[in-house]
Amino acid sequence: MDTLVKADIFFFITSIAVIAITIGILIGVYYVVQAVRRIEGYAETIERKMKEKKEEVDDITDDVKDIVNDIKDSFVYNLLFGKKVRKRKN
């Protein structure tokens, strides 16, 4: 009879421990899922802002290319930095 009472106490304590550990794991999983969702939101925001900045950089690049082409086509540029004529070797 004494061993039966000890076994019941052991299984009762073990059951409580398993329930407590399971609840702890579930709480931990909940916080991990929340953190992953938050990180995913941050990643989407960063990706959106990077696309916006890329469009701005592309616009600036186009403007600079237009300015450089205008300068190269200008009379003063051609006067100062005219194209050199190469002689052909036969």
Protein backbone atom coordinates (compact mmCIF):
# COMPACT_ATOMS: atom_id res chain seq x y z
CA MET A 1 0.00 0.00 0.00
CA ASP A 2 2.87 2.35 0.78
CA THR A 3 4.37 1.98 -2.71
CA LEU A 4 0.98 2.60 -4.32
CA VAL A 5 0.67 5.96 -2.52
CA LYS A 6 4.22 6.91 -3.53
CA ALA A 7 3.47 6.00 -7.16
CA ASP A 8 0.29 8.11 -7.10
CA ILE A 9 2.21 11.09 -5.70
CA PHE A 10 4.95 10.62 -8.32
CA PHE A 11 2.46 10.52 -11.22
CA PHE A 12 0.54 13.50 -9.82
CA ILE A 13 3.70 15.61 -9.56
CA THR A 14 4.85 14.43 -13.01
CA SER A 15 1.47 15.34 -14.53
CA ILE A 16 1.63 18.84 -13.01
CA ALA A 17 5.20 19.27 -14.31
CA VAL A 18 4.24 18.14 -17.83
CA ILE A 19 1.29 20.56 -17.85
CA ALA A 20 3.48 23.44 -16.59
CA ILE A 21 6.21 22.72 -19.17
CA THR A 22 3.62 22.48 -21.96
CA ILE A 23 2.10 25.82 -20.98
CA GLY A 24 5.59 27.37 -20.90
CA ILE A 25 6.41 26.01 -24.34
CA LEU A 26 3.09 27.30 -25.74
CA ILE A 27 3.77 30.77 -24.32
CA GLY A 28 7.26 30.70 -25.82
CA VAL A 29 5.92 29.65 -29.23
CA TYR A 30 3.35 32.46 -29.08
CA TYR A 31 6.05 35.08 -28.49
CA VAL A 32 8.27 33.62 -31.21
CA VAL A 33 5.38 33.79 -33.71
CA GLN A 34 4.68 37.39 -32.73
CA ALA A 35 8.35 38.30 -33.16
CA VAL A 36 8.52 36.64 -36.58
CA ARG A 37 5.41 38.53 -37.72
CA ARG A 38 6.90 41.81 -36.50
CA ILE A 39 10.20 41.11 -38.27
CA GLU A 40 8.31 40.23 -41.46
CA GLY A 41 6.49 43.55 -41.26
CA TYR A 42 9.78 45.39 -40.84
CA ALA A 43 11.24 43.52 -43.81
CA GLU A 44 8.28 44.47 -46.01
CA THR A 45 8.60 48.12 -44.97
CA ILE A 46 12.33 48.12 -45.71
CA GLU A 47 11.73 46.47 -49.09
CA ARG A 48 9.08 49.05 -50.01
CA LYS A 49 11.33 51.95 -49.01
CA MET A 50 14.26 50.46 -50.93
CA LYS A 51 12.11 50.31 -54.08
CA GLU A 52 11.12 53.96 -53.58
CA LYS A 53 14.76 54.99 -53.14
CA LYS A 54 15.79 52.95 -56.17
CA GLU A 55 13.23 54.80 -58.26
CA GLU A 56 14.59 58.12 -56.96
CA VAL A 57 18.16 57.07 -57.77
CA ASP A 58 17.08 55.96 -61.25
CA ASP A 59 15.45 59.36 -61.82
CA ILE A 60 18.59 61.17 -60.64
CA THR A 61 20.74 58.93 -62.87
CA ASP A 62 18.59 59.78 -65.89
CA ASP A 63 18.84 63.49 -65.08
CA VAL A 64 22.63 63.30 -64.76
CA LYS A 65 22.90 61.39 -68.05
CA ASP A 66 20.81 64.08 -69.77
CA ILE A 67 23.01 66.83 -68.32
CA VAL A 68 26.20 65.03 -69.41
CA ASN A 69 24.82 64.51 -72.91
CA ASP A 70 23.85 68.18 -73.11
CA ILE A 71 27.35 69.20 -72.03
CA LYS A 72 28.98 66.86 -74.55
CA ASP A 73 26.79 68.27 -77.31
CA SER A 74 27.55 71.86 -76.38
CA PHE A 75 29.73 74.07 -78.59
CA VAL A 76 32.16 74.99 -75.79
CA TYR A 77 32.81 71.36 -74.88
CA ASN A 78 33.45 70.42 -78.50
CA LEU A 79 35.71 73.45 -78.87
CA LEU A 80 37.79 72.55 -75.81
CA PHE A 81 37.71 68.78 -76.10
CA GLY A 82 37.25 68.18 -79.78
CA LYS A 83 37.46 64.71 -81.20
CA LYS A 84 40.94 63.75 -82.27
CA VAL A 85 41.36 62.46 -85.76
CA ARG A 86 43.25 59.20 -85.97
CA LYS A 87 45.34 58.32 -88.94
CA ARG A 88 44.75 54.93 -90.45
CA LYS A 89 47.64 52.60 -90.79
CA ASN A 90 47.60 50.64 -94.04
